């Protein structure tokens, strides 16, 4: 029955890892009444929705698309952007315009990357974090670390099962030993499956309170092709093929040379 020690080690490692993941996932809960989140307005503006749904790059993409629809910026299907109106109406537009050189033309990928790192977007993230609507960097790291711990525990369970098969089992059969180790393995794989589904279904940037506001906004205003839909769902909500090409060009390969718009 020496293999039972390996089983206990497998359970111990797995339970510790699962507890870490559950703790990390439970921490970004909705704050109690009277906190900044409770006092936050009930409707998100588009920039806030874009950040909660897709992070800093989503804010930059929304700003680019908004300025293009106002004819203040031209986005070519080749992946280049050209400034038409050099005056920004808000901090996010100014962050986009600040990414252009003196000739007023830059690849969309470069503009998006620079705008996403702008202090205005960082301030937006801090404000949403203080309101309890966005996950802080620490919360995101803890959740990722918890998932890694469960993956490592899964490997530990398998290793302990192999070790258990290599020691004298007394009257226990290999089938019985594998059945006992199947229980922690099922739990580990179930946790990883749930974490994967939750990760696809929910934003990695929004807290539970923020996700509730995103759902409400989607029900009320997310018409196909609208800026609200883009803020919530990203570039897949862009209905114009040329605009989608402009915003996605360069993400999976080389950006074509600029030959004019």
Protein backbone atom coordinates (compact mmCIF):
# COMPACT_ATOMS: atom_id res chain seq x y z
CA UNK A 1 0.00 0.00 0.00
CA UNK A 2 3.03 2.29 -0.37
CA UNK A 3 1.35 3.78 -3.46
CA UNK A 4 -1.21 5.47 -1.19
CA UNK A 5 1.49 7.95 -0.16
CA UNK A 6 1.84 9.00 -3.78
CA UNK A 7 -1.92 9.41 -3.99
CA UNK A 8 -1.94 11.64 -0.92
CA UNK A 9 0.86 13.78 -2.38
CA UNK A 10 -1.10 14.14 -5.61
CA UNK A 11 -4.24 15.22 -3.73
CA UNK A 12 -2.31 17.65 -1.54
CA UNK A 13 -0.63 19.38 -4.49
CA UNK A 14 -3.88 19.58 -6.44
CA UNK A 15 -5.97 20.93 -3.56
CA UNK A 16 -3.41 23.64 -2.83
CA UNK A 17 -3.36 24.67 -6.51
CA UNK A 18 -7.16 24.69 -6.79
CA UNK A 19 -7.46 26.75 -3.60
CA UNK A 20 -5.01 29.29 -5.02
CA UNK A 21 -6.99 29.57 -8.24
CA UNK A 22 -10.31 29.91 -6.42
CA UNK A 23 -8.90 32.58 -4.13
CA UNK A 24 -7.53 34.56 -7.08
CA UNK A 25 -10.84 34.30 -8.96
CA UNK A 26 -12.91 35.32 -5.93
CA UNK A 27 -10.89 38.41 -4.97
CA UNK A 28 -12.16 40.78 -7.70
CA UNK A 29 -15.71 40.64 -6.33
CA UNK A 30 -18.07 43.59 -6.39
CA UNK A 31 -17.21 46.10 -3.64
CA UNK A 32 -19.64 46.72 -0.85
CA UNK A 33 -22.10 49.65 -1.02
CA UNK A 34 -20.48 53.00 -0.29
CA UNK A 35 -17.28 52.24 -2.19
CA UNK A 36 -16.21 53.98 -5.37
CA UNK A 37 -17.82 51.27 -7.49
CA UNK A 38 -21.18 51.67 -5.80
CA UNK A 39 -21.09 55.41 -6.50
CA UNK A 40 -19.96 54.96 -10.13
CA UNK A 41 -22.46 55.99 -12.76
CA UNK A 42 -24.58 53.14 -14.07
CA UNK A 43 -23.75 53.69 -17.76
CA UNK A 44 -20.33 53.21 -19.25
CA UNK A 45 -19.03 55.58 -21.89
CA UNK A 46 -17.54 54.01 -25.00
CA UNK A 47 -13.93 54.38 -23.91
CA UNK A 48 -14.67 52.73 -20.57
CA UNK A 49 -16.57 49.91 -22.28
CA UNK A 50 -13.73 49.42 -24.75
CA UNK A 51 -11.16 49.11 -21.98
CA UNK A 52 -13.23 46.73 -19.88
CA UNK A 53 -14.01 44.53 -22.89
CA UNK A 54 -10.66 44.53 -24.64
CA UNK A 55 -8.02 46.50 -22.78
CA UNK A 56 -5.79 49.37 -23.95
CA UNK A 57 -5.59 48.27 -27.59
CA UNK A 58 -9.39 48.19 -27.85
CA UNK A 59 -9.48 51.82 -26.67
CA UNK A 60 -6.98 52.78 -29.39
CA UNK A 61 -8.93 50.89 -32.06
CA UNK A 62 -12.20 52.51 -31.01
CA UNK A 63 -10.59 55.96 -31.17
CA UNK A 64 -9.16 55.28 -34.62
CA UNK A 65 -12.50 54.09 -35.93
CA UNK A 66 -14.40 56.98 -34.34
CA UNK A 67 -12.08 59.55 -35.90
CA UNK A 68 -12.30 57.82 -39.28
CA UNK A 69 -16.09 57.91 -39.23
CA UNK A 70 -15.93 61.64 -38.52
CA UNK A 71 -13.61 62.06 -41.53
CA UNK A 72 -10.89 63.39 -39.26
CA UNK A 73 -8.62 60.46 -39.98
CA UNK A 74 -8.26 58.28 -43.07
CA UNK A 75 -7.63 54.55 -42.73
CA UNK A 76 -6.48 52.80 -45.89
CA UNK A 77 -6.99 49.07 -46.48
CA UNK A 78 -3.19 48.83 -46.89
CA UNK A 79 -2.83 49.41 -43.14
CA UNK A 80 -1.79 53.07 -43.17
CA UNK A 81 -3.47 55.99 -41.39
CA UNK A 82 -3.44 59.66 -42.49
CA UNK A 83 -4.32 62.65 -40.34
CA UNK A 84 -7.00 64.98 -41.74
CA UNK A 85 -7.84 67.03 -38.66
CA UNK A 86 -4.83 67.44 -36.32
CA UNK A 87 -6.90 68.67 -33.37
CA UNK A 88 -7.87 66.06 -30.79
CA UNK A 89 -11.22 66.50 -29.06
CA UNK A 90 -10.36 64.40 -26.00
CA UNK A 91 -7.27 62.83 -24.39
CA UNK A 92 -7.68 59.60 -26.35
CA UNK A 93 -7.80 61.35 -29.71
CA UNK A 94 -4.76 63.38 -28.71
CA UNK A 95 -2.97 60.13 -27.81
CA UNK A 96 -3.69 58.83 -31.32
CA UNK A 97 -2.60 62.06 -33.02
CA UNK A 98 0.56 62.13 -30.92
CA UNK A 99 1.59 58.80 -32.46
CA UNK A 100 1.95 60.37 -35.92
CA UNK A 101 5.13 61.83 -37.30
CA UNK A 102 5.44 65.25 -38.94
CA UNK A 103 4.14 63.98 -42.31
CA UNK A 104 0.87 62.86 -40.72
CA UNK A 105 1.10 59.26 -41.95
CA UNK A 106 1.90 56.13 -39.96
CA UNK A 107 1.07 52.40 -40.03
CA UNK A 108 -2.08 51.66 -38.07
CA UNK A 109 -0.23 49.06 -36.01
CA UNK A 110 2.29 51.66 -34.83
CA UNK A 111 -0.40 54.20 -33.99
CA UNK A 112 -2.41 51.63 -32.08
CA UNK A 113 0.60 50.47 -30.06
CA UNK A 114 1.69 54.00 -29.11
CA UNK A 115 -1.85 55.14 -28.25
CA UNK A 116 -2.48 52.05 -26.10
CA UNK A 117 0.51 52.97 -23.92
CA UNK A 118 -0.49 56.63 -23.56
CA UNK A 119 -0.91 58.05 -20.03
CA UNK A 120 -4.55 58.86 -20.87
CA UNK A 121 -5.31 55.14 -21.24
CA UNK A 122 -3.37 54.36 -18.08
CA UNK A 123 -5.41 56.98 -16.22
CA UNK A 124 -8.61 55.41 -17.58
CA UNK A 125 -7.49 52.01 -16.31
CA UNK A 126 -6.66 53.44 -12.89
CA UNK A 127 -10.03 55.17 -12.66
CA UNK A 128 -11.92 52.00 -13.55
CA UNK A 129 -9.79 50.02 -11.12
CA UNK A 130 -10.54 52.43 -8.29
CA UNK A 131 -14.25 52.15 -9.14
CA UNK A 132 -14.04 48.37 -8.82
CA UNK A 133 -14.95 47.83 -12.48
CA UNK A 134 -11.56 46.75 -13.83
CA UNK A 135 -9.17 44.07 -12.68
CA UNK A 136 -5.86 45.38 -11.46
CA UNK A 137 -2.58 44.07 -12.80
CA UNK A 138 -2.11 42.12 -9.57
CA UNK A 139 -5.47 40.36 -9.90
CA UNK A 140 -4.74 39.34 -13.49
CA UNK A 141 -1.33 37.99 -12.48
CA UNK A 142 -2.81 36.03 -9.58
CA UNK A 143 -5.42 34.38 -11.80
CA UNK A 144 -2.77 33.45 -14.38
CA UNK A 145 -0.54 32.10 -11.63
CA UNK A 146 -3.44 30.07 -10.24
CA UNK A 147 -4.08 28.49 -13.64
CA UNK A 148 -0.39 27.64 -13.97
CA UNK A 149 -0.46 26.04 -10.53
CA UNK A 150 -3.35 23.79 -11.52
CA UNK A 151 -1.51 22.79 -14.70
CA UNK A 152 1.57 21.92 -12.66
CA UNK A 153 -0.59 19.97 -10.22
CA UNK A 154 -2.04 18.03 -13.15
CA UNK A 155 1.48 17.02 -14.10
CA UNK A 156 2.14 16.08 -10.48
CA UNK A 157 -0.91 13.79 -10.43
CA UNK A 158 0.26 12.02 -13.56
CA UNK A 159 3.81 11.70 -12.21
CA UNK A 160 2.56 10.30 -8.90
CA UNK A 161 0.37 7.81 -10.76
CA UNK A 162 3.37 6.57 -12.74
CA UNK A 163 5.42 6.34 -9.55
CA UNK A 164 2.63 4.42 -7.81
CA UNK A 165 2.63 1.85 -10.60
CA UNK A 166 6.35 1.33 -10.14
CA UNK A 167 6.30 0.39 -6.45
CA UNK A 168 5.03 -2.83 -4.87
CA UNK A 169 1.25 -2.63 -4.69
CA UNK A 170 0.56 -5.55 -2.42
CA UNK A 171 -2.92 -6.86 -3.19
CA UNK A 172 -3.90 -3.75 -5.17
CA UNK A 173 -4.09 -4.08 -8.93
CA UNK A 174 -2.86 -1.53 -11.44
CA UNK A 175 -6.47 -0.93 -12.48
CA UNK A 176 -7.45 -0.09 -8.92
CA UNK A 177 -4.50 2.30 -8.54
CA UNK A 178 -5.33 4.07 -11.80
CA UNK A 179 -8.95 4.44 -10.74
CA UNK A 180 -7.91 6.16 -7.53
CA UNK A 181 -5.61 8.54 -9.40
CA UNK A 182 -8.34 9.23 -11.95
CA UNK A 183 -10.29 11.16 -9.32
CA UNK A 184 -7.75 13.98 -8.76
CA UNK A 185 -6.95 13.98 -12.47
CA UNK A 186 -10.62 14.55 -13.34
CA UNK A 187 -10.79 17.40 -10.82
CA UNK A 188 -7.66 19.02 -12.25
CA UNK A 189 -8.83 18.77 -15.86
CA UNK A 190 -12.27 20.05 -14.85
CA UNK A 191 -10.75 23.14 -13.22
CA UNK A 192 -8.65 23.84 -16.30
CA UNK A 193 -11.68 23.40 -18.57
CA UNK A 194 -13.78 25.80 -16.49
CA UNK A 195 -10.95 28.36 -16.43
CA UNK A 196 -10.62 28.11 -20.21
CA UNK A 197 -14.36 28.54 -20.81
CA UNK A 198 -14.55 31.45 -18.36
CA UNK A 199 -11.53 33.05 -19.99
CA UNK A 200 -13.19 32.93 -23.44
CA UNK A 201 -16.60 34.02 -22.19
CA UNK A 202 -15.46 36.92 -20.03
CA UNK A 203 -13.17 39.87 -20.43
CA UNK A 204 -9.73 39.55 -18.88
CA UNK A 205 -9.90 43.24 -17.99
CA UNK A 206 -13.29 43.66 -16.27
CA UNK A 207 -14.23 42.72 -12.72
CA UNK A 208 -17.58 40.99 -12.10
CA UNK A 209 -19.17 44.43 -11.55
CA UNK A 210 -17.64 45.68 -14.80
CA UNK A 211 -18.83 42.63 -16.72
CA UNK A 212 -22.38 43.24 -15.53
CA UNK A 213 -22.26 46.78 -16.90
CA UNK A 214 -20.88 45.46 -20.21
CA UNK A 215 -23.77 43.00 -20.48
CA UNK A 216 -26.30 45.77 -19.80
CA UNK A 217 -24.66 48.03 -22.37
CA UNK A 218 -24.68 45.24 -24.95
CA UNK A 219 -28.37 44.60 -24.45
CA UNK A 220 -29.27 48.26 -24.84
CA UNK A 221 -26.98 49.71 -27.49
CA UNK A 222 -24.78 47.14 -29.24
CA UNK A 223 -26.31 47.40 -32.73
CA UNK A 224 -24.37 45.66 -35.47
CA UNK A 225 -21.65 47.90 -36.90
CA UNK A 226 -22.07 50.59 -34.23
CA UNK A 227 -19.19 52.01 -32.21
CA UNK A 228 -20.74 50.40 -29.14
CA UNK A 229 -20.54 46.99 -30.81
CA UNK A 230 -16.90 47.63 -31.70
CA UNK A 231 -16.15 48.66 -28.11
CA UNK A 232 -17.71 45.44 -26.81
CA UNK A 233 -16.70 42.90 -29.47
CA UNK A 234 -13.67 44.40 -31.15
CA UNK A 235 -12.82 44.41 -34.83
CA UNK A 236 -15.12 41.50 -35.65
CA UNK A 237 -17.99 43.98 -35.18
CA UNK A 238 -16.68 46.22 -37.99
CA UNK A 239 -18.93 45.63 -40.98
CA UNK A 240 -16.96 47.60 -43.61
CA UNK A 241 -14.40 45.24 -45.24
CA UNK A 242 -11.91 48.02 -46.06
CA UNK A 243 -11.97 49.38 -42.52
CA UNK A 244 -11.52 45.91 -41.08
CA UNK A 245 -8.59 45.35 -43.44
CA UNK A 246 -7.07 48.68 -42.38
CA UNK A 247 -7.29 47.87 -38.70
CA UNK A 248 -6.11 44.27 -38.97
CA UNK A 249 -3.37 44.78 -41.57
CA UNK A 250 0.08 44.06 -40.16
CA UNK A 251 -1.12 41.96 -37.24
CA UNK A 252 -0.14 38.71 -38.91
CA UNK A 253 2.52 39.86 -41.33
CA UNK A 254 4.34 42.67 -43.09
CA UNK A 255 2.72 46.07 -43.57
CA UNK A 256 2.68 47.05 -47.27
CA UNK A 257 4.59 50.16 -48.27
CA UNK A 258 2.57 53.39 -48.44
CA UNK A 259 1.72 54.49 -51.97
CA UNK A 260 -0.88 57.09 -51.18
CA UNK A 261 -4.60 56.80 -50.37
